[in-house]
Amino acid sequence: CPSCKKHTQLQFADLHFSFPIIKRSVSSVSDEFLTSWRSAIKTSPYIDSTFWRDKIDAENKQLIIPVKEASNIVKKLSLKSYEGGYKFMIIWLPEYLHTSASNKLLKILEEPPQKTIFILVANHQDNMLSTILSRLQLLKTPRLADADVRSALIAKAGVTSNDKLDTLVQLADGNYFNAWKQIQAADLGYFDS
C-alpha cells in the first residue's frame, strides 16, 4: 500500500526523527542530516553512534541533540497531522540530549498533542535526565538469542561457513550489529575469513 511504501522509505509525512548531530551552526537541527540518516538506516537498522559519527564525518566533534532541535520537535508536533492520523516522533539516542533540550521537551513529553506517539530509543538510559525518564514507559529489549543472530547472518548476510558463523555469533554477544560490523570489516580485509 502507499502508506507502507512511505514508511519503508522513511518518508511518511507524520513520521519524524530526531537524533544526535554535530553542530555546524547555532541553528543546526536533525533535518539537515536527514538524507544521511535515511541512508544509514537503510544500510542497517542496527547502527550505533560510532557508525553514525563516521557516516556524517563527525571526526572528533561531539554528537549532541541541541536546544534548537528540541524547539524543532515541539514545532513539528504542534502542527496538524498531514495524513489526518497519528504523528510519530522517534528520538534516537536521547541520552545525547543537551540538558536545556531535555528540559524544553519535558512539557510535551508529559502532555503530548492528541494522537502523538513518542518513541525514544536509548542505549544508556542512565545518562538521561531522571525528569525525562519519569515521563516515559520503559521497555527493555533483551539481547538476541545466538540462534536468532545465526539465522539472521545466514538469511541477511549470506554467511554459510559454520566456522565463520560460530565466530560471528560469539563476537556479536546478542547484538546483530556487532556481527554486521565484523562482516563489513571482512569485506575490507580486517577480519580473517
Protein backbone atom coordinates (compact mmCIF):
# COMPACT_ATOMS: atom_id res chain seq x y z
CA CYS A 1 0.00 0.00 0.00
CA PRO A 2 1.16 3.62 -0.44
CA SER A 3 1.48 4.10 3.32
CA CYS A 4 3.77 1.05 3.62
CA LYS A 5 5.97 2.31 0.79
CA LYS A 6 6.36 5.69 2.53
CA HIS A 7 7.26 4.00 5.82
CA THR A 8 9.76 1.72 4.06
CA GLN A 9 11.49 4.77 2.58
CA LEU A 10 11.29 6.55 5.99
CA GLN A 11 9.44 9.38 4.26
CA PHE A 12 6.00 9.22 5.82
CA ALA A 13 4.80 12.80 6.42
CA ASP A 14 3.76 12.16 10.03
CA LEU A 15 6.89 10.17 10.94
CA HIS A 16 9.56 12.45 12.40
CA PHE A 17 13.10 11.67 13.54
CA SER A 18 15.44 13.35 15.93
CA PHE A 19 18.99 12.13 16.51
CA PRO A 20 22.41 13.35 17.63
CA ILE A 21 24.19 15.65 15.20
CA ILE A 22 27.31 17.75 15.03
CA LYS A 23 26.60 21.44 15.30
CA ARG A 24 27.53 23.23 12.08
CA SER A 25 25.90 26.44 13.28
CA VAL A 26 23.69 27.70 16.08
CA SER A 27 20.61 26.70 14.10
CA SER A 28 21.71 23.12 13.28
CA VAL A 29 18.95 20.51 13.56
CA SER A 30 18.50 16.85 12.58
CA ASP A 31 16.63 17.78 9.41
CA GLU A 32 19.95 18.91 7.88
CA PHE A 33 21.25 15.33 8.25
CA LEU A 34 18.05 13.51 7.25
CA THR A 35 19.38 12.22 3.91
CA SER A 36 22.42 10.71 5.66
CA TRP A 37 20.16 9.34 8.41
CA ARG A 38 17.86 7.58 5.96
CA SER A 39 20.85 6.18 4.09
CA ALA A 40 22.39 4.87 7.32
CA ILE A 41 19.17 3.22 8.49
CA LYS A 42 18.61 1.63 5.07
CA THR A 43 22.17 0.27 5.25
CA SER A 44 21.42 -1.35 8.59
CA PRO A 45 18.69 -0.59 11.13
CA TYR A 46 21.15 -1.69 13.83
CA ILE A 47 23.55 1.28 13.66
CA ASP A 48 25.34 2.70 16.67
CA SER A 49 26.78 6.14 17.49
CA THR A 50 30.22 5.22 16.10
CA PHE A 51 28.75 4.21 12.75
CA TRP A 52 26.64 7.39 12.72
CA ARG A 53 29.68 9.60 13.52
CA ASP A 54 31.53 8.05 10.58
CA LYS A 55 28.52 8.47 8.29
CA ILE A 56 28.34 12.23 8.93
CA ASP A 57 32.13 12.73 9.04
CA ALA A 58 31.98 13.99 12.61
CA GLU A 59 35.72 13.40 13.09
CA ASN A 60 36.45 14.49 16.67
CA LYS A 61 33.34 16.67 17.04
CA GLN A 62 30.87 15.96 19.82
CA LEU A 63 27.48 14.44 18.95
CA ILE A 64 24.59 16.30 20.56
CA ILE A 65 20.86 16.86 20.34
CA PRO A 66 20.86 20.65 20.77
CA VAL A 67 18.26 23.02 22.20
CA LYS A 68 17.31 24.14 18.70
CA GLU A 69 16.36 20.53 17.94
CA ALA A 70 14.02 20.46 20.95
CA SER A 71 12.34 23.62 19.64
CA ASN A 72 12.05 21.96 16.23
CA ILE A 73 10.41 18.88 17.79
CA VAL A 74 7.85 21.00 19.62
CA LYS A 75 7.13 22.98 16.44
CA LYS A 76 6.68 19.86 14.26
CA LEU A 77 4.36 18.19 16.74
CA SER A 78 2.25 21.29 17.27
CA LEU A 79 1.21 21.18 13.61
CA LYS A 80 -1.84 19.23 12.46
CA SER A 81 -1.25 15.69 11.22
CA TYR A 82 -0.58 15.72 7.49
CA GLU A 83 -2.38 12.43 6.85
CA GLY A 84 -5.07 13.04 9.48
CA GLY A 85 -3.97 10.23 11.80
CA TYR A 86 -1.23 9.79 14.35
CA LYS A 87 2.07 11.69 14.41
CA PHE A 88 5.19 9.81 15.47
CA MET A 89 8.42 11.25 16.84
CA ILE A 90 11.33 8.82 17.11
CA ILE A 91 14.21 10.20 19.13
CA TRP A 92 17.26 8.03 18.62
CA LEU A 93 19.86 8.14 21.40
CA PRO A 94 18.06 10.61 23.68
CA GLU A 95 20.97 10.33 26.09
CA TYR A 96 22.69 12.86 23.78
CA LEU A 97 20.05 15.49 24.57
CA HIS A 98 21.65 18.68 25.84
CA THR A 99 20.32 19.40 29.36
CA SER A 100 18.50 22.51 28.13
CA ALA A 101 16.98 20.49 25.27
CA SER A 102 15.78 17.84 27.73
CA ASN A 103 14.17 20.49 29.90
CA LYS A 104 12.49 22.03 26.85
CA LEU A 105 10.89 18.66 25.99
CA LEU A 106 9.51 17.94 29.46
CA LYS A 107 6.11 19.54 28.93
CA ILE A 108 5.42 17.97 25.51
CA LEU A 109 6.50 14.54 26.80
CA GLU A 110 4.19 14.87 29.78
CA GLU A 111 1.26 16.26 27.79
CA PRO A 112 1.77 15.37 24.10
CA PRO A 113 -0.64 16.73 21.49
CA GLN A 114 -3.56 14.44 20.71
CA LYS A 115 -2.67 11.40 18.57
CA THR A 116 1.07 11.89 19.09
CA ILE A 117 3.39 8.99 19.88
CA PHE A 118 6.95 9.45 21.14
CA ILE A 119 9.45 6.61 20.83
CA LEU A 120 12.81 7.21 22.48
CA VAL A 121 15.46 4.64 21.59
CA ALA A 122 18.33 4.75 24.09
CA ASN A 123 21.41 2.65 24.65
CA HIS A 124 22.26 4.16 28.04
CA GLN A 125 19.17 5.30 29.88
CA ASP A 126 21.34 6.07 32.93
CA ASN A 127 22.71 9.07 31.00
CA MET A 128 19.25 10.61 30.59
CA LEU A 129 17.71 13.13 32.97
CA SER A 130 15.53 11.47 35.60
CA THR A 131 12.80 14.02 34.85
CA ILE A 132 12.65 12.72 31.26
CA LEU A 133 12.69 9.08 32.38
CA SER A 134 9.84 9.71 34.82
CA ARG A 135 7.60 10.68 31.89
CA LEU A 136 8.30 7.53 29.87
CA GLN A 137 7.15 3.96 29.86
CA LEU A 138 10.33 1.88 29.70
CA LEU A 139 10.52 -1.21 27.52
CA LYS A 140 13.84 -3.00 27.67
CA THR A 141 14.89 -5.02 24.66
CA PRO A 142 16.76 -8.17 25.64
CA ARG A 143 19.83 -9.34 23.76
CA LEU A 144 19.13 -11.56 20.79
CA ALA A 145 19.44 -15.31 21.20
CA ASP A 146 22.52 -16.77 19.50
CA ALA A 147 20.24 -18.87 17.26
CA ASP A 148 18.47 -15.69 16.07
CA VAL A 149 21.78 -13.96 15.29
CA ARG A 150 22.92 -17.09 13.42
CA SER A 151 19.68 -17.22 11.39
CA ALA A 152 19.93 -13.52 10.51
CA LEU A 153 23.55 -13.89 9.43
CA ILE A 154 22.57 -16.71 7.09
CA ALA A 155 19.44 -15.01 5.73
CA LYS A 156 20.55 -11.37 5.54
CA ALA A 157 24.31 -11.52 5.18
CA GLY A 158 24.64 -14.79 3.29
CA VAL A 159 27.20 -16.26 5.68
CA THR A 160 27.39 -20.02 5.06
CA SER A 161 30.64 -21.17 6.67
CA ASN A 162 29.89 -22.80 10.03
CA ASP A 163 33.26 -21.73 11.45
CA LYS A 164 32.69 -18.12 10.42
CA LEU A 165 29.11 -18.27 11.75
CA ASP A 166 30.31 -19.56 15.12
CA THR A 167 32.93 -16.80 15.37
CA LEU A 168 30.49 -14.05 14.33
CA VAL A 169 27.78 -15.25 16.73
CA GLN A 170 30.29 -15.33 19.59
CA LEU A 171 31.61 -11.83 18.76
CA ALA A 172 28.06 -10.48 18.42
CA ASP A 173 27.19 -11.33 22.02
CA GLY A 174 23.47 -10.97 21.23
CA ASN A 175 23.91 -7.81 19.15
CA TYR A 176 23.35 -8.32 15.43
CA PHE A 177 25.03 -5.00 14.61
CA ASN A 178 28.29 -6.26 16.18
CA ALA A 179 28.22 -9.22 13.80
CA TRP A 180 27.34 -6.95 10.87
CA LYS A 181 30.34 -4.71 11.68
CA GLN A 182 32.61 -7.77 11.64
CA ILE A 183 31.28 -8.71 8.20
CA GLN A 184 31.92 -5.18 6.95
CA ALA A 185 35.46 -5.38 8.33
CA ALA A 186 35.91 -8.71 6.50
CA ASP A 187 34.97 -7.03 3.22
CA LEU A 188 37.73 -4.51 3.91
CA GLY A 189 40.19 -7.28 4.75
CA TYR A 190 40.28 -6.59 8.51
CA PHE A 191 38.67 -9.84 9.59
CA ASP A 192 40.02 -13.30 8.88
CA SER A 193 37.64 -15.25 6.67
